[in-house]
Amino acid sequence: MISKALVVAAYQHKCELIDKVLSECDDGSQLVTFVPPHWGAQKLESAYAKKHDLRVIPIRLSGNYHLHHYPTLAAELAALKPDVVHIDEEPYNLATFLAVRAARRIGARTVLFSWQNIHRQYPPPFKWMEQWVLRHVDAAIMGSHEAQQVWKRKYPPLNTVIIPQFGVDEKHFAPIKRPPNQQKPFTIGFAGRLVPEKGLDLLLQALASLPNTRALIIGNGEQQAMLQSLSHTLNIAERVEFRPPLPSTRIREFYHEIDTLVLPSRTLPNWKEQFGRVLIEAMACGVPVVGSTCGEISQVIGDGGLTFAENDVQALVQALQQLSSNPNLCEIFASQGRRRVLNHFTMHSIAKQTVQVYTSVNELWVAG
């Protein structure tokens, strides 16, 4: 597997589990992971590096989604001679094109991953790379139902399966017992980028109509100053706390501090919510969630919380009122959300499904 996302230590746990599932196969299969030393400003975290064969290789143009690539990858693959190469990248990226080409040279099967949930046409040379990759890749893992629809429309013969890129470690993200505190205001949480598409202005407007509540916002981004100013304009500044992002290994501390998590994303011409990882982390921690109908959010939440029409502040207010005024409802969603994660979104479940993809492309290749 080649993945820049694995610079985050918590995500590496999936590879440890994939390797464990592979080790149980009769043929003694194993996973080797290639990861860059950094992605943009994010340096490689190595919490799981010693638990499976994780190898750091150089990257060029780190932080550039379309043009980054790994100059030594072809030589690494030629020396390793893997049966399957999993490129954790979109079909139109240079890194994907070069990796698929290098894999085919040594006779390896190839798998890619895509979150792309908006049908887009790219200019050359990305269009040409995408078309070549789609014709030559053996299977594609889609992070969402909408992503699958996009690529089936672009290239109907593509062999696709829906598996989120990452799940949660259900032992790390777990509920804790918190003593009831009648004096503590109902705490609404958000974690993510402070950018227009995440809809934080909607959350602040809703908070203005919800007395005895507060908001805890974890993250940073281009809208932080505007949002802080808006909280003063709405006279809720004393009920809104902004904190910097937490590392992946500490984010559960945030979930244990809040009463509900809100993801009020809105669709823009070039963006809509691909998944919403914070939702499954919060649900795993027994936190009721509220999300807009943007992108994949409704599919992720299921019966684990409430949804509201995107951009509808009043609908968001009503959803939060239901939770803040009804502790029993919160308990129901906490239980259902945790159960939904255990059934669909654990790292182990995703690892098993991913190995099934590897096995299927290998069998198809042998049969062919």
Protein backbone atom coordinates (compact mmCIF):
# COMPACT_ATOMS: atom_id res chain seq x y z
CA MET A 1 0.00 0.00 0.00
CA ILE A 2 1.14 3.52 -0.83
CA SER A 3 -0.58 6.22 1.23
CA LYS A 4 0.17 9.78 2.30
CA ALA A 5 -2.80 9.63 4.71
CA LEU A 6 -0.82 7.19 6.84
CA VAL A 7 1.44 9.93 8.16
CA VAL A 8 -1.26 10.08 10.89
CA ALA A 9 -0.50 7.43 13.52
CA ALA A 10 -4.12 6.55 14.27
CA TYR A 11 -4.69 5.68 10.61
CA GLN A 12 -1.73 3.29 10.55
CA HIS A 13 -3.71 0.96 12.80
CA LYS A 14 -5.70 -0.13 9.74
CA CYS A 15 -2.49 -1.42 8.15
CA GLU A 16 -1.58 -3.34 11.29
CA LEU A 17 -4.99 -5.02 11.14
CA ILE A 18 -4.77 -5.70 7.40
CA ASP A 19 -1.41 -7.37 8.00
CA LYS A 20 -2.95 -9.43 10.81
CA VAL A 21 -5.82 -10.59 8.57
CA LEU A 22 -3.36 -11.43 5.78
CA SER A 23 -1.16 -13.41 8.18
CA GLU A 24 -4.12 -15.68 8.86
CA CYS A 25 -4.31 -16.66 5.18
CA ASP A 26 -2.86 -20.03 4.24
CA ASP A 27 -0.45 -18.53 1.73
CA GLY A 28 1.38 -16.40 4.31
CA SER A 29 0.54 -13.09 2.68
CA GLN A 30 1.69 -9.88 4.31
CA LEU A 31 1.35 -6.12 3.89
CA VAL A 32 4.15 -3.68 3.16
CA THR A 33 3.24 -0.01 3.50
CA PHE A 34 5.03 2.88 1.83
CA VAL A 35 4.50 6.28 3.45
CA PRO A 36 6.17 9.68 2.95
CA PRO A 37 8.12 11.40 5.76
CA HIS A 38 5.57 14.20 5.72
CA TRP A 39 2.49 15.46 3.90
CA GLY A 40 2.57 19.22 3.71
CA ALA A 41 3.12 20.45 7.28
CA GLN A 42 2.04 17.11 8.80
CA LYS A 43 5.09 15.07 9.82
CA LEU A 44 4.98 11.29 10.02
CA GLU A 45 3.68 10.00 13.34
CA SER A 46 5.05 6.58 14.16
CA ALA A 47 2.85 5.09 16.86
CA TYR A 48 2.27 1.91 14.85
CA ALA A 49 5.40 1.90 12.71
CA LYS A 50 6.99 -1.07 14.50
CA LYS A 51 3.89 -3.26 14.38
CA HIS A 52 4.01 -3.98 10.67
CA ASP A 53 6.36 -3.41 7.73
CA LEU A 54 6.03 0.36 7.26
CA ARG A 55 8.69 1.91 5.03
CA VAL A 56 9.35 5.62 4.63
CA ILE A 57 10.12 6.71 1.06
CA PRO A 58 10.86 10.16 -0.40
CA ILE A 59 8.07 12.32 -1.78
CA ARG A 60 8.23 15.18 -4.25
CA LEU A 61 5.84 18.15 -4.23
CA SER A 62 4.45 17.17 -0.84
CA GLY A 63 1.14 18.94 -0.20
CA ASN A 64 0.27 19.18 -3.91
CA TYR A 65 -2.67 16.81 -4.38
CA HIS A 66 -2.39 16.52 -8.15
CA LEU A 67 1.36 16.50 -8.72
CA HIS A 68 2.98 14.86 -5.72
CA HIS A 69 4.73 11.56 -6.43
CA TYR A 70 7.33 9.13 -5.07
CA PRO A 71 10.59 9.14 -7.07
CA THR A 72 11.89 5.82 -5.70
CA LEU A 73 8.60 3.90 -5.78
CA ALA A 74 9.20 2.10 -9.09
CA ALA A 75 12.52 0.76 -7.80
CA GLU A 76 10.94 -0.23 -4.46
CA LEU A 77 8.19 -2.18 -6.23
CA ALA A 78 10.66 -3.84 -8.61
CA ALA A 79 12.69 -5.07 -5.63
CA LEU A 80 9.65 -6.15 -3.58
CA LYS A 81 7.69 -7.78 -6.43
CA PRO A 82 4.26 -7.56 -4.72
CA ASP A 83 1.20 -9.39 -6.02
CA VAL A 84 -1.15 -6.45 -5.37
CA VAL A 85 -0.37 -2.73 -5.21
CA HIS A 86 -2.92 -0.57 -3.40
CA ILE A 87 -2.56 3.12 -4.33
CA ASP A 88 -4.44 5.17 -1.76
CA GLU A 89 -5.00 8.00 -4.25
CA GLU A 90 -7.47 9.45 -6.74
CA PRO A 91 -7.33 8.22 -10.38
CA TYR A 92 -6.34 11.61 -11.83
CA ASN A 93 -3.23 12.18 -9.66
CA LEU A 94 0.30 11.89 -11.00
CA ALA A 95 1.21 9.62 -8.07
CA THR A 96 -1.55 7.19 -9.09
CA PHE A 97 -0.57 7.15 -12.76
CA LEU A 98 3.10 6.47 -11.97
CA ALA A 99 2.27 3.82 -9.36
CA VAL A 100 -0.13 1.89 -11.62
CA ARG A 101 2.38 2.04 -14.46
CA ALA A 102 5.18 0.76 -12.21
CA ALA A 103 2.96 -2.00 -10.83
CA ARG A 104 1.97 -3.22 -14.28
CA ARG A 105 5.62 -3.42 -15.31
CA ILE A 106 6.21 -6.08 -12.67
CA GLY A 107 2.90 -7.89 -13.26
CA ALA A 108 1.18 -6.75 -10.06
CA ARG A 109 -2.57 -6.21 -9.73
CA THR A 110 -3.66 -2.71 -8.78
CA VAL A 111 -6.28 -1.15 -6.50
CA LEU A 112 -6.97 2.56 -6.00
CA PHE A 113 -9.11 4.59 -3.62
CA SER A 114 -11.41 7.56 -4.31
CA TRP A 115 -13.50 9.99 -2.28
CA GLN A 116 -14.49 11.94 -5.43
CA ASN A 117 -18.24 12.57 -5.06
CA ILE A 118 -18.65 15.33 -7.66
CA HIS A 119 -18.51 14.56 -11.38
CA ARG A 120 -15.61 16.61 -12.70
CA GLN A 121 -13.74 16.90 -15.96
CA TYR A 122 -10.05 17.71 -15.69
CA PRO A 123 -7.83 19.42 -18.27
CA PRO A 124 -4.88 17.61 -19.85
CA PRO A 125 -2.63 16.01 -18.70
CA PHE A 126 -4.79 15.00 -15.69
CA LYS A 127 -7.62 13.95 -17.97
CA TRP A 128 -5.28 11.69 -19.91
CA MET A 129 -3.79 10.17 -16.74
CA GLU A 130 -7.26 9.53 -15.34
CA GLN A 131 -8.45 7.81 -18.51
CA TRP A 132 -5.35 5.61 -18.65
CA VAL A 133 -5.61 4.65 -14.98
CA LEU A 134 -9.30 3.77 -15.27
CA ARG A 135 -8.55 1.45 -18.19
CA HIS A 136 -5.68 -0.33 -16.44
CA VAL A 137 -6.56 -0.54 -12.73
CA ASP A 138 -8.04 -3.83 -11.53
CA ALA A 139 -10.34 -2.52 -8.79
CA ALA A 140 -11.34 0.72 -7.10
CA ILE A 141 -12.38 1.20 -3.48
CA MET A 142 -14.92 4.00 -3.10
CA GLY A 143 -15.27 5.89 0.16
CA SER A 144 -18.98 6.57 -0.33
CA HIS A 145 -22.07 5.71 -2.36
CA GLU A 146 -21.86 9.02 -4.23
CA ALA A 147 -18.24 8.37 -5.17
CA GLN A 148 -19.22 5.01 -6.64
CA GLN A 149 -21.94 6.69 -8.71
CA VAL A 150 -19.47 9.27 -10.04
CA TRP A 151 -16.94 6.71 -11.25
CA LYS A 152 -19.55 4.34 -12.64
CA ARG A 153 -20.77 7.26 -14.72
CA LYS A 154 -17.25 8.13 -15.86
CA TYR A 155 -16.14 4.56 -16.59
CA PRO A 156 -18.89 1.90 -16.30
CA PRO A 157 -16.54 -1.13 -16.57
CA LEU A 158 -14.66 -0.09 -13.42
CA ASN A 159 -14.77 -2.76 -10.70
CA THR A 160 -15.82 -0.85 -7.56
CA VAL A 161 -16.65 -1.59 -3.94
CA ILE A 162 -17.68 0.82 -1.15
CA ILE A 163 -15.38 0.82 1.90
CA PRO A 164 -14.57 3.96 3.92
CA GLN A 165 -10.87 4.76 3.90
CA PHE A 166 -10.54 4.50 7.68
CA GLY A 167 -12.63 3.24 10.53
CA VAL A 168 -12.20 3.76 14.24
CA ASP A 169 -10.42 1.79 16.92
CA GLU A 170 -13.45 0.94 19.04
CA LYS A 171 -11.27 0.34 22.10
CA HIS A 172 -9.64 3.77 21.86
CA PHE A 173 -12.84 5.60 20.94
CA ALA A 174 -15.22 4.39 23.62
CA PRO A 175 -17.82 5.92 25.97
CA ILE A 176 -16.90 6.98 29.48
CA LYS A 177 -19.18 7.35 32.47
CA ARG A 178 -19.77 11.00 33.29
CA PRO A 179 -21.62 12.01 36.46
CA PRO A 180 -24.65 14.20 35.75
CA ASN A 181 -24.01 17.89 36.31
CA GLN A 182 -27.15 19.99 36.38
CA GLN A 183 -25.11 23.20 36.51
CA LYS A 184 -23.12 22.44 33.37
CA PRO A 185 -24.58 23.91 30.16
CA PHE A 186 -25.33 21.57 27.28
CA THR A 187 -22.11 21.51 25.22
CA ILE A 188 -22.26 21.38 21.43
CA GLY A 189 -19.01 20.35 19.75
CA PHE A 190 -17.44 20.76 16.35
CA ALA A 191 -14.03 19.54 15.17
CA GLY A 192 -12.59 20.31 11.75
CA ARG A 193 -11.53 23.03 9.38
CA LEU A 194 -12.96 26.50 9.91
CA VAL A 195 -13.90 27.08 6.27
CA PRO A 196 -17.15 28.12 4.49
CA GLU A 197 -18.15 24.59 3.44
CA LYS A 198 -18.20 23.33 7.03
CA GLY A 199 -21.08 25.69 7.91
CA LEU A 200 -19.85 26.98 11.29
CA ASP A 201 -21.78 30.22 10.79
CA LEU A 202 -24.97 28.13 10.87
CA LEU A 203 -23.97 26.60 14.18
CA LEU A 204 -23.31 30.00 15.73
CA GLN A 205 -26.65 31.35 14.47
CA ALA A 206 -28.39 28.31 15.97
CA LEU A 207 -26.58 28.81 19.27
CA ALA A 208 -28.01 32.32 19.49
CA SER A 209 -31.48 30.73 19.74
CA LEU A 210 -30.43 28.14 22.32
CA PRO A 211 -30.03 29.50 25.86
CA ASN A 212 -28.17 27.40 28.43
CA THR A 213 -25.94 25.90 25.74
CA ARG A 214 -22.33 26.46 24.75
CA ALA A 215 -20.18 25.56 21.77
CA LEU A 216 -16.70 24.06 21.84
CA ILE A 217 -15.01 24.44 18.45
CA ILE A 218 -11.76 22.57 17.74
CA GLY A 219 -9.84 23.53 14.62
CA ASN A 220 -8.43 26.37 12.58
CA GLY A 221 -8.86 27.85 9.14
CA GLU A 222 -9.52 30.90 7.04
CA GLN A 223 -12.84 31.74 8.73
CA GLN A 224 -11.65 31.72 12.33
CA ALA A 225 -11.48 35.52 12.71
CA MET A 226 -14.85 35.94 10.96
CA LEU A 227 -16.49 33.33 13.19
CA GLN A 228 -15.10 34.89 16.33
CA SER A 229 -16.42 38.26 15.17
CA LEU A 230 -19.82 36.72 14.39
CA SER A 231 -20.03 35.28 17.90
CA HIS A 232 -19.63 38.82 19.28
CA THR A 233 -22.22 40.18 16.85
CA LEU A 234 -24.70 37.51 17.98
CA ASN A 235 -23.89 38.23 21.65
CA ILE A 236 -22.84 34.64 22.29
CA ALA A 237 -19.05 35.11 22.52
CA GLU A 238 -19.01 34.11 26.19
CA ARG A 239 -20.65 30.79 25.21
CA VAL A 240 -18.28 29.92 22.36
CA GLU A 241 -14.80 28.54 22.92
CA PHE A 242 -12.29 28.18 20.09
CA ARG A 243 -9.38 25.78 20.58
CA PRO A 244 -6.58 24.72 18.22
CA PRO A 245 -6.66 21.28 16.57
CA LEU A 246 -5.77 18.25 18.65
CA PRO A 247 -3.45 15.46 17.43
CA SER A 248 -5.25 12.29 16.36
CA THR A 249 -4.05 10.48 19.46
CA ARG A 250 -5.81 13.01 21.75
CA ILE A 251 -9.00 13.87 19.88
CA ARG A 252 -11.08 11.49 22.00
CA GLU A 253 -10.56 13.90 24.94
CA PHE A 254 -12.72 16.37 23.02
CA TYR A 255 -15.53 13.84 22.45
CA HIS A 256 -15.58 13.02 26.16
CA GLU A 257 -16.11 16.72 26.93
CA ILE A 258 -19.15 17.41 24.74
CA ASP A 259 -22.84 16.42 24.85
CA THR A 260 -23.40 16.35 21.09
CA LEU A 261 -21.31 16.74 17.94
CA VAL A 262 -22.58 18.85 15.03
CA LEU A 263 -21.40 18.69 11.42
CA PRO A 264 -23.34 21.47 9.64
CA SER A 265 -21.63 21.14 6.24
CA ARG A 266 -23.02 22.82 3.13
CA THR A 267 -22.62 21.88 -0.53
CA LEU A 268 -20.58 24.25 -2.70
CA PRO A 269 -20.10 24.09 -6.50
CA ASN A 270 -16.77 22.27 -6.09
CA TRP A 271 -17.28 20.47 -2.77
CA LYS A 272 -19.63 18.37 -0.69
CA GLU A 273 -19.02 16.25 2.39
CA GLN A 274 -17.26 13.02 1.46
CA PHE A 275 -17.76 11.17 4.72
CA GLY A 276 -17.32 13.03 8.02
CA ARG A 277 -14.86 10.98 10.06
CA VAL A 278 -15.63 13.01 13.20
CA LEU A 279 -19.14 11.53 13.12
CA ILE A 280 -18.03 7.93 13.58
CA GLU A 281 -15.43 8.90 16.18
CA ALA A 282 -18.09 10.72 18.21
CA MET A 283 -20.62 7.90 17.77
CA ALA A 284 -18.02 5.38 18.92
CA CYS A 285 -17.57 7.49 22.06
CA GLY A 286 -21.32 7.38 22.74
CA VAL A 287 -21.90 11.00 21.71
CA PRO A 288 -25.16 11.80 19.85
CA VAL A 289 -24.49 13.47 16.51
CA VAL A 290 -26.33 16.01 14.38
CA GLY A 291 -25.46 16.49 10.72
CA SER A 292 -26.74 18.27 7.66
CA THR A 293 -27.92 16.43 4.56
CA CYS A 294 -24.73 17.43 2.70
CA GLY A 295 -23.02 14.62 0.80
CA GLU A 296 -22.55 11.34 2.67
CA ILE A 297 -23.48 12.59 6.16
CA SER A 298 -26.95 11.01 6.28
CA GLN A 299 -25.56 7.64 5.17
CA VAL A 300 -22.94 7.74 7.91
CA ILE A 301 -25.28 8.80 10.74
CA GLY A 302 -28.10 6.37 9.98
CA ASP A 303 -29.99 5.82 13.25
CA GLY A 304 -27.11 7.17 15.34
CA GLY A 305 -28.38 10.76 15.48
CA LEU A 306 -30.35 13.49 13.76
CA THR A 307 -30.05 15.15 10.36
CA PHE A 308 -31.32 18.49 9.11
CA ALA A 309 -31.61 20.13 5.69
CA GLU A 310 -28.34 21.88 4.90
CA ASN A 311 -28.33 25.67 5.36
CA ASP A 312 -31.54 25.47 7.43
CA VAL A 313 -30.67 27.17 10.72
CA GLN A 314 -34.13 26.69 12.22
CA ALA A 315 -34.04 22.96 11.51
CA LEU A 316 -30.65 22.79 13.25
CA VAL A 317 -32.09 24.67 16.23
CA GLN A 318 -34.96 22.18 16.47
CA ALA A 319 -32.61 19.19 16.34
CA LEU A 320 -30.40 20.61 19.09
CA GLN A 321 -33.44 21.48 21.19
CA GLN A 322 -34.58 17.87 21.01
CA LEU A 323 -31.27 16.67 22.39
CA SER A 324 -30.64 19.39 24.97
CA SER A 325 -34.12 18.96 26.48
CA ASN A 326 -34.29 15.17 26.43
CA PRO A 327 -31.50 13.21 28.17
CA ASN A 328 -33.29 9.93 27.38
CA LEU A 329 -33.16 10.68 23.65
CA CYS A 330 -29.45 11.40 23.99
CA GLU A 331 -28.95 8.01 25.61
CA ILE A 332 -30.88 6.27 22.83
CA PHE A 333 -28.76 7.91 20.11
CA ALA A 334 -25.59 7.25 22.10
CA SER A 335 -26.39 3.53 22.18
CA GLN A 336 -27.55 3.33 18.57
CA GLY A 337 -24.59 5.32 17.30
CA ARG A 338 -22.06 3.15 19.10
CA ARG A 339 -23.77 0.02 17.77
CA ARG A 340 -23.76 1.40 14.23
CA VAL A 341 -20.02 2.02 14.40
CA LEU A 342 -19.36 -1.48 15.73
CA ASN A 343 -21.42 -2.94 12.89
CA HIS A 344 -20.03 -0.88 10.01
CA PHE A 345 -17.12 1.42 10.79
CA THR A 346 -14.45 -0.29 12.88
CA MET A 347 -10.86 -0.49 11.65
CA HIS A 348 -11.04 -4.29 11.85
CA SER A 349 -14.16 -4.43 9.67
CA ILE A 350 -12.58 -2.16 7.07
CA ALA A 351 -9.34 -4.16 7.16
CA LYS A 352 -11.23 -7.42 6.49
CA GLN A 353 -13.17 -5.86 3.61
CA THR A 354 -9.96 -4.46 2.13
CA VAL A 355 -8.27 -7.87 2.22
CA GLN A 356 -11.30 -9.30 0.43
CA VAL A 357 -10.66 -6.80 -2.38
CA TYR A 358 -6.99 -7.85 -2.58
CA THR A 359 -8.04 -11.50 -2.72
CA SER A 360 -10.65 -10.90 -5.40
CA VAL A 361 -8.34 -9.05 -7.79
CA ASN A 362 -5.65 -11.67 -7.25
CA GLU A 363 -8.07 -14.51 -8.02
CA LEU A 364 -9.44 -12.73 -11.08
CA TRP A 365 -5.91 -12.20 -12.38
CA VAL A 366 -4.96 -15.86 -11.88
CA ALA A 367 -8.21 -17.03 -13.48
CA GLY A 368 -7.67 -14.69 -16.42
